[in-house]
């Protein structure tokens, strides 16, 4: 992701129910749409054996936020 045009940030999460999710932040809608399409293709091609249903892609605008410390898992 970080090498894609307009990349700003990326977060991956594992929810309490075991589902996985991610949030990608890009400089503009065009960059975000292109990255989402590419990521969906990657997930389908590389994780199909682990999927129990079709991946859900949602898009939206950032309304507000704050920069803080980066969290390192396991470190």
PDB file of N, CA and C in Angstrom:
ATOM      1  N   UNK A   1       0.812  -1.204   0.000  1.00  0.00           N
ATOM      2  CA  UNK A   1       0.000   0.000   0.000  1.00  0.00           C
ATOM      3  C   UNK A   1       0.851   1.262   0.000  1.00  0.00           C
ATOM      4  N   UNK A   2       1.908   1.240   0.786  1.00  0.00           N
ATOM      5  CA  UNK A   2       2.675   2.481   0.964  1.00  0.00           C
ATOM      6  C   UNK A   2       3.297   3.006  -0.316  1.00  0.00           C
ATOM      7  N   UNK A   3       3.432   2.139  -1.318  1.00  0.00           N
ATOM      8  CA  UNK A   3       4.014   2.574  -2.590  1.00  0.00           C
ATOM      9  C   UNK A   3       2.977   3.098  -3.582  1.00  0.00           C
ATOM     10  N   UNK A   4       1.718   3.036  -3.231  1.00  0.00           N
ATOM     11  CA  UNK A   4       0.664   3.497  -4.129  1.00  0.00           C
ATOM     12  C   UNK A   4       0.547   5.017  -4.095  1.00  0.00           C
ATOM     13  N   UNK A   5       0.156   5.637  -5.208  1.00  0.00           N
ATOM     14  CA  UNK A   5       0.011   7.096  -5.259  1.00  0.00           C
ATOM     15  C   UNK A   5      -0.982   7.606  -4.214  1.00  0.00           C
ATOM     16  N   UNK A   6      -0.606   8.648  -3.511  1.00  0.00           N
ATOM     17  CA  UNK A   6      -1.482   9.300  -2.556  1.00  0.00           C
ATOM     18  C   UNK A   6      -1.577   8.621  -1.203  1.00  0.00           C
ATOM     19  N   UNK A   7      -0.787   7.564  -0.961  1.00  0.00           N
ATOM     20  CA  UNK A   7      -0.855   6.845   0.309  1.00  0.00           C
ATOM     21  C   UNK A   7      -0.547   7.771   1.480  1.00  0.00           C
ATOM     22  N   UNK A   8      -1.363   7.691   2.538  1.00  0.00           N
ATOM     23  CA  UNK A   8      -1.135   8.463   3.759  1.00  0.00           C
ATOM     24  C   UNK A   8      -0.885   7.526   4.937  1.00  0.00           C
ATOM     25  N   UNK A   9      -1.794   6.566   5.155  1.00  0.00           N
ATOM     26  CA  UNK A   9      -1.672   5.691   6.319  1.00  0.00           C
ATOM     27  C   UNK A   9      -2.509   4.435   6.131  1.00  0.00           C
ATOM     28  N   UNK A  10      -2.235   3.424   6.943  1.00  0.00           N
ATOM     29  CA  UNK A  10      -2.935   2.138   6.861  1.00  0.00           C
ATOM     30  C   UNK A  10      -3.008   1.525   8.250  1.00  0.00           C
ATOM     31  N   UNK A  11      -4.150   0.955   8.571  1.00  0.00           N
ATOM     32  CA  UNK A  11      -4.345   0.276   9.848  1.00  0.00           C
ATOM     33  C   UNK A  11      -5.045  -1.048   9.604  1.00  0.00           C
ATOM     34  N   UNK A  12      -4.613  -2.085  10.290  1.00  0.00           N
ATOM     35  CA  UNK A  12      -5.286  -3.378  10.235  1.00  0.00           C
ATOM     36  C   UNK A  12      -5.745  -3.714  11.644  1.00  0.00           C
ATOM     37  N   UNK A  13      -6.882  -4.397  11.740  1.00  0.00           N
ATOM     38  CA  UNK A  13      -7.419  -4.728  13.047  1.00  0.00           C
ATOM     39  C   UNK A  13      -8.035  -6.119  13.045  1.00  0.00           C
ATOM     40  N   UNK A  14      -8.046  -6.740  14.207  1.00  0.00           N
ATOM     41  CA  UNK A  14      -8.774  -7.981  14.426  1.00  0.00           C
ATOM     42  C   UNK A  14      -9.827  -7.675  15.479  1.00  0.00           C
ATOM     43  N   UNK A  15     -11.089  -7.856  15.110  1.00  0.00           N
ATOM     44  CA  UNK A  15     -12.193  -7.538  16.002  1.00  0.00           C
ATOM     45  C   UNK A  15     -12.391  -8.646  17.035  1.00  0.00           C
ATOM     46  N   UNK A  16     -13.125  -8.345  18.079  1.00  0.00           N
ATOM     47  CA  UNK A  16     -13.366  -9.312  19.149  1.00  0.00           C
ATOM     48  C   UNK A  16     -14.008 -10.599  18.649  1.00  0.00           C
ATOM     49  N   UNK A  17     -14.777 -10.525  17.578  1.00  0.00           N
ATOM     50  CA  UNK A  17     -15.442 -11.728  17.051  1.00  0.00           C
ATOM     51  C   UNK A  17     -14.550 -12.519  16.096  1.00  0.00           C
ATOM     52  N   UNK A  18     -13.297 -12.064  15.907  1.00  0.00           N
ATOM     53  CA  UNK A  18     -12.357 -12.768  15.048  1.00  0.00           C
ATOM     54  C   UNK A  18     -12.286 -12.234  13.630  1.00  0.00           C
ATOM     55  N   UNK A  19     -13.233 -11.386  13.233  1.00  0.00           N
ATOM     56  CA  UNK A  19     -13.181 -10.788  11.899  1.00  0.00           C
ATOM     57  C   UNK A  19     -11.964  -9.876  11.782  1.00  0.00           C
ATOM     58  N   UNK A  20     -11.482  -9.741  10.562  1.00  0.00           N
ATOM     59  CA  UNK A  20     -10.363  -8.850  10.286  1.00  0.00           C
ATOM     60  C   UNK A  20     -10.855  -7.641   9.505  1.00  0.00           C
ATOM     61  N   UNK A  21     -10.189  -6.521   9.674  1.00  0.00           N
ATOM     62  CA  UNK A  21     -10.558  -5.319   8.937  1.00  0.00           C
ATOM     63  C   UNK A  21      -9.350  -4.429   8.753  1.00  0.00           C
ATOM     64  N   UNK A  22      -9.493  -3.464   7.872  1.00  0.00           N
ATOM     65  CA  UNK A  22      -8.416  -2.503   7.673  1.00  0.00           C
ATOM     66  C   UNK A  22      -8.994  -1.167   7.245  1.00  0.00           C
ATOM     67  N   UNK A  23      -8.219  -0.125   7.488  1.00  0.00           N
ATOM     68  CA  UNK A  23      -8.560   1.225   7.052  1.00  0.00           C
ATOM     69  C   UNK A  23      -7.345   1.775   6.329  1.00  0.00           C
ATOM     70  N   UNK A  24      -7.560   2.223   5.114  1.00  0.00           N
ATOM     71  CA  UNK A  24      -6.498   2.840   4.322  1.00  0.00           C
ATOM     72  C   UNK A  24      -6.863   4.306   4.114  1.00  0.00           C
ATOM     73  N   UNK A  25      -5.881   5.174   4.264  1.00  0.00           N
ATOM     74  CA  UNK A  25      -6.105   6.607   4.093  1.00  0.00           C
ATOM     75  C   UNK A  25      -5.241   7.085   2.930  1.00  0.00           C
ATOM     76  N   UNK A  26      -5.893   7.765   1.986  1.00  0.00           N
ATOM     77  CA  UNK A  26      -5.213   8.286   0.806  1.00  0.00           C
ATOM     78  C   UNK A  26      -5.520   9.757   0.650  1.00  0.00           C
ATOM     79  N   UNK A  27      -4.701  10.431  -0.124  1.00  0.00           N
ATOM     80  CA  UNK A  27      -4.782  11.876  -0.286  1.00  0.00           C
ATOM     81  C   UNK A  27      -6.063  12.332  -0.971  1.00  0.00           C
ATOM     82  N   UNK A  28      -6.621  11.494  -1.853  1.00  0.00           N
ATOM     83  CA  UNK A  28      -7.842  11.901  -2.547  1.00  0.00           C
ATOM     84  C   UNK A  28      -8.652  10.669  -2.943  1.00  0.00           C
ATOM     85  N   UNK A  29      -9.869  10.889  -3.376  1.00  0.00           N
ATOM     86  CA  UNK A  29     -10.805   9.813  -3.700  1.00  0.00           C
ATOM     87  C   UNK A  29     -10.291   8.920  -4.821  1.00  0.00           C
ATOM     88  N   UNK A  30      -9.701   9.512  -5.831  1.00  0.00           N
ATOM     89  CA  UNK A  30      -9.212   8.722  -6.955  1.00  0.00           C
ATOM     90  C   UNK A  30      -8.140   7.728  -6.509  1.00  0.00           C
ATOM     91  N   UNK A  31      -7.188   8.203  -5.687  1.00  0.00           N
ATOM     92  CA  UNK A  31      -6.150   7.314  -5.165  1.00  0.00           C
ATOM     93  C   UNK A  31      -6.757   6.234  -4.285  1.00  0.00           C
ATOM     94  N   UNK A  32      -7.715   6.605  -3.453  1.00  0.00           N
ATOM     95  CA  UNK A  32      -8.355   5.646  -2.545  1.00  0.00           C
ATOM     96  C   UNK A  32      -9.133   4.594  -3.317  1.00  0.00           C
ATOM     97  N   UNK A  33      -9.879   5.003  -4.332  1.00  0.00           N
ATOM     98  CA  UNK A  33     -10.654   4.045  -5.125  1.00  0.00           C
ATOM     99  C   UNK A  33      -9.740   3.052  -5.832  1.00  0.00           C
ATOM    100  N   UNK A  34      -8.661   3.542  -6.408  1.00  0.00           N
ATOM    101  CA  UNK A  34      -7.714   2.678  -7.094  1.00  0.00           C
ATOM    102  C   UNK A  34      -7.087   1.678  -6.121  1.00  0.00           C
ATOM    103  N   UNK A  35      -6.700   2.158  -4.948  1.00  0.00           N
ATOM    104  CA  UNK A  35      -6.094   1.290  -3.937  1.00  0.00           C
ATOM    105  C   UNK A  35      -7.090   0.252  -3.427  1.00  0.00           C
ATOM    106  N   UNK A  36      -8.341   0.648  -3.227  1.00  0.00           N
ATOM    107  CA  UNK A  36      -9.362  -0.289  -2.731  1.00  0.00           C
ATOM    108  C   UNK A  36      -9.583  -1.409  -3.734  1.00  0.00           C
ATOM    109  N   UNK A  37      -9.642  -1.080  -5.009  1.00  0.00           N
ATOM    110  CA  UNK A  37      -9.816  -2.100  -6.042  1.00  0.00           C
ATOM    111  C   UNK A  37      -8.621  -3.052  -6.070  1.00  0.00           C
ATOM    112  N   UNK A  38      -7.442  -2.491  -5.955  1.00  0.00           N
ATOM    113  CA  UNK A  38      -6.228  -3.314  -5.959  1.00  0.00           C
ATOM    114  C   UNK A  38      -6.166  -4.209  -4.716  1.00  0.00           C
ATOM    115  N   UNK A  39      -6.494  -3.657  -3.553  1.00  0.00           N
ATOM    116  CA  UNK A  39      -6.470  -4.431  -2.305  1.00  0.00           C
ATOM    117  C   UNK A  39      -7.495  -5.562  -2.337  1.00  0.00           C
ATOM    118  N   UNK A  40      -8.677  -5.287  -2.862  1.00  0.00           N
ATOM    119  CA  UNK A  40      -9.712  -6.319  -2.953  1.00  0.00           C
ATOM    120  C   UNK A  40      -9.233  -7.465  -3.837  1.00  0.00           C
ATOM    121  N   UNK A  41      -8.605  -7.137  -4.939  1.00  0.00           N
ATOM    122  CA  UNK A  41      -8.047  -8.164  -5.813  1.00  0.00           C
ATOM    123  C   UNK A  41      -6.990  -8.987  -5.099  1.00  0.00           C
ATOM    124  N   UNK A  42      -6.125  -8.321  -4.332  1.00  0.00           N
ATOM    125  CA  UNK A  42      -5.074  -9.020  -3.601  1.00  0.00           C
ATOM    126  C   UNK A  42      -5.683  -9.982  -2.580  1.00  0.00           C
ATOM    127  N   UNK A  43      -6.672  -9.509  -1.831  1.00  0.00           N
ATOM    128  CA  UNK A  43      -7.314 -10.356  -0.816  1.00  0.00           C
ATOM    129  C   UNK A  43      -7.950 -11.574  -1.472  1.00  0.00           C
ATOM    130  N   UNK A  44      -8.664 -11.379  -2.556  1.00  0.00           N
ATOM    131  CA  UNK A  44      -9.318 -12.498  -3.239  1.00  0.00           C
ATOM    132  C   UNK A  44      -8.293 -13.507  -3.774  1.00  0.00           C
ATOM    133  N   UNK A  45      -7.162 -13.020  -4.280  1.00  0.00           N
ATOM    134  CA  UNK A  45      -6.149 -13.893  -4.865  1.00  0.00           C
ATOM    135  C   UNK A  45      -5.260 -14.574  -3.826  1.00  0.00           C
ATOM    136  N   UNK A  46      -5.111 -13.965  -2.655  1.00  0.00           N
ATOM    137  CA  UNK A  46      -4.166 -14.477  -1.676  1.00  0.00           C
ATOM    138  C   UNK A  46      -4.790 -15.030  -0.402  1.00  0.00           C
ATOM    139  N   UNK A  47      -6.061 -14.788  -0.197  1.00  0.00           N
ATOM    140  CA  UNK A  47      -6.691 -15.219   1.050  1.00  0.00           C
ATOM    141  C   UNK A  47      -7.982 -15.983   0.837  1.00  0.00           C
ATOM    142  N   UNK A  48      -8.253 -16.402  -0.381  1.00  0.00           N
ATOM    143  CA  UNK A  48      -9.531 -17.049  -0.698  1.00  0.00           C
ATOM    144  C   UNK A  48      -9.798 -18.253   0.189  1.00  0.00           C
ATOM    145  N   UNK A  49      -8.759 -19.002   0.543  1.00  0.00           N
ATOM    146  CA  UNK A  49      -8.945 -20.190   1.376  1.00  0.00           C
ATOM    147  C   UNK A  49      -9.393 -19.863   2.791  1.00  0.00           C
ATOM    148  N   UNK A  50      -9.183 -18.621   3.213  1.00  0.00           N
ATOM    149  CA  UNK A  50      -9.502 -18.221   4.583  1.00  0.00           C
ATOM    150  C   UNK A  50     -10.791 -17.404   4.686  1.00  0.00           C
ATOM    151  N   UNK A  51     -11.388 -17.072   3.558  1.00  0.00           N
ATOM    152  CA  UNK A  51     -12.593 -16.239   3.561  1.00  0.00           C
ATOM    153  C   UNK A  51     -13.832 -17.100   3.744  1.00  0.00           C
ATOM    154  N   UNK A  52     -14.720 -16.654   4.606  1.00  0.00           N
ATOM    155  CA  UNK A  52     -15.997 -17.338   4.775  1.00  0.00           C
ATOM    156  C   UNK A  52     -17.115 -16.622   4.028  1.00  0.00           C
ATOM    157  N   UNK A  53     -16.836 -15.396   3.586  1.00  0.00           N
ATOM    158  CA  UNK A  53     -17.795 -14.632   2.794  1.00  0.00           C
ATOM    159  C   UNK A  53     -17.036 -13.611   1.949  1.00  0.00           C
ATOM    160  N   UNK A  54     -17.737 -12.999   1.030  1.00  0.00           N
ATOM    161  CA  UNK A  54     -17.144 -11.991   0.143  1.00  0.00           C
ATOM    162  C   UNK A  54     -16.651 -10.801   0.972  1.00  0.00           C
ATOM    163  N   UNK A  55     -15.414 -10.329   0.731  1.00  0.00           N
ATOM    164  CA  UNK A  55     -14.924  -9.153   1.459  1.00  0.00           C
ATOM    165  C   UNK A  55     -15.807  -7.934   1.191  1.00  0.00           C
ATOM    166  N   UNK A  56     -16.014  -7.134   2.198  1.00  0.00           N
ATOM    167  CA  UNK A  56     -16.829  -5.925   2.107  1.00  0.00           C
ATOM    168  C   UNK A  56     -15.901  -4.720   2.011  1.00  0.00           C
ATOM    169  N   UNK A  57     -16.089  -3.909   0.995  1.00  0.00           N
ATOM    170  CA  UNK A  57     -15.313  -2.681   0.831  1.00  0.00           C
ATOM    171  C   UNK A  57     -16.254  -1.508   1.042  1.00  0.00           C
ATOM    172  N   UNK A  58     -15.873  -0.629   1.953  1.00  0.00           N
ATOM    173  CA  UNK A  58     -16.663   0.580   2.208  1.00  0.00           C
ATOM    174  C   UNK A  58     -15.755   1.770   2.007  1.00  0.00           C
ATOM    175  N   UNK A  59     -16.312   2.845   1.500  1.00  0.00           N
ATOM    176  CA  UNK A  59     -15.540   4.058   1.243  1.00  0.00           C
ATOM    177  C   UNK A  59     -16.209   5.231   1.944  1.00  0.00           C
ATOM    178  N   UNK A  60     -15.403   6.185   2.374  1.00  0.00           N
ATOM    179  CA  UNK A  60     -15.962   7.359   3.025  1.00  0.00           C
ATOM    180  C   UNK A  60     -14.915   8.446   3.165  1.00  0.00           C
ATOM    181  N   UNK A  61     -15.350   9.578   3.637  1.00  0.00           N
ATOM    182  CA  UNK A  61     -14.482  10.732   3.845  1.00  0.00           C
ATOM    183  C   UNK A  61     -14.114  10.846   5.320  1.00  0.00           C
ATOM    184  N   UNK A  62     -12.902  11.314   5.588  1.00  0.00           N
ATOM    185  CA  UNK A  62     -12.489  11.587   6.964  1.00  0.00           C
ATOM    186  C   UNK A  62     -13.156  12.884   7.397  1.00  0.00           C
ATOM    187  N   UNK A  63     -13.855  12.834   8.507  1.00  0.00           N
ATOM    188  CA  UNK A  63     -14.518  14.034   9.023  1.00  0.00           C
ATOM    189  C   UNK A  63     -13.615  14.789   9.995  1.00  0.00           C
ATOM    190  N   UNK A  64     -12.872  14.065  10.822  1.00  0.00           N
ATOM    191  CA  UNK A  64     -11.907  14.677  11.718  1.00  0.00           C
ATOM    192  C   UNK A  64     -10.967  13.595  12.205  1.00  0.00           C
ATOM    193  N   UNK A  65      -9.873  13.979  12.792  1.00  0.00           N
ATOM    194  CA  UNK A  65      -8.914  13.013  13.295  1.00  0.00           C
ATOM    195  C   UNK A  65      -7.837  13.709  14.093  1.00  0.00           C
ATOM    196  N   UNK A  66      -6.951  12.909  14.637  1.00  0.00           N
ATOM    197  CA  UNK A  66      -5.832  13.439  15.385  1.00  0.00           C
ATOM    198  C   UNK A  66      -4.648  12.503  15.207  1.00  0.00           C
ATOM    199  N   UNK A  67      -3.495  13.065  15.089  1.00  0.00           N
ATOM    200  CA  UNK A  67      -2.277  12.252  14.971  1.00  0.00           C
ATOM    201  C   UNK A  67      -1.752  11.959  16.357  1.00  0.00           C
ATOM    202  N   UNK A  68      -1.326  10.762  16.553  1.00  0.00           N
ATOM    203  CA  UNK A  68      -0.776  10.373  17.850  1.00  0.00           C
ATOM    204  C   UNK A  68       0.342   9.384  17.672  1.00  0.00           C
ATOM    205  N   UNK A  69       0.674   8.702  18.746  1.00  0.00           N
ATOM    206  CA  UNK A  69       1.717   7.681  18.680  1.00  0.00           C
ATOM    207  C   UNK A  69       1.245   6.494  17.866  1.00  0.00           C
ATOM    208  N   UNK A  70       2.158   5.908  17.141  1.00  0.00           N
ATOM    209  CA  UNK A  70       1.879   4.681  16.419  1.00  0.00           C
ATOM    210  C   UNK A  70       1.927   3.526  17.409  1.00  0.00           C
ATOM    211  N   UNK A  71       0.971   2.602  17.304  1.00  0.00           N
ATOM    212  CA  UNK A  71       0.929   1.463  18.196  1.00  0.00           C
ATOM    213  C   UNK A  71       1.635   0.280  17.540  1.00  0.00           C
ATOM    214  N   UNK A  72       2.556  -0.315  18.230  1.00  0.00           N
ATOM    215  CA  UNK A  72       3.254  -1.490  17.714  1.00  0.00           C
ATOM    216  C   UNK A  72       2.711  -2.727  18.445  1.00  0.00           C
ATOM    217  N   UNK A  73       2.220  -3.678  17.696  1.00  0.00           N
ATOM    218  CA  UNK A  73       1.683  -4.893  18.279  1.00  0.00           C
ATOM    219  C   UNK A  73       2.832  -5.829  18.610  1.00  0.00           C
ATOM    220  N   UNK A  74       2.804  -6.370  19.808  1.00  0.00           N
ATOM    221  CA  UNK A  74       3.804  -7.341  20.209  1.00  0.00           C
ATOM    222  C   UNK A  74       5.174  -6.759  20.482  1.00  0.00           C
ATOM    223  N   UNK A  75       5.269  -5.445  20.601  1.00  0.00           N
ATOM    224  CA  UNK A  75       6.596  -4.866  20.799  1.00  0.00           C
ATOM    225  C   UNK A  75       6.661  -3.903  21.845  1.00  0.00           C
TER     226      UNK A  75
END
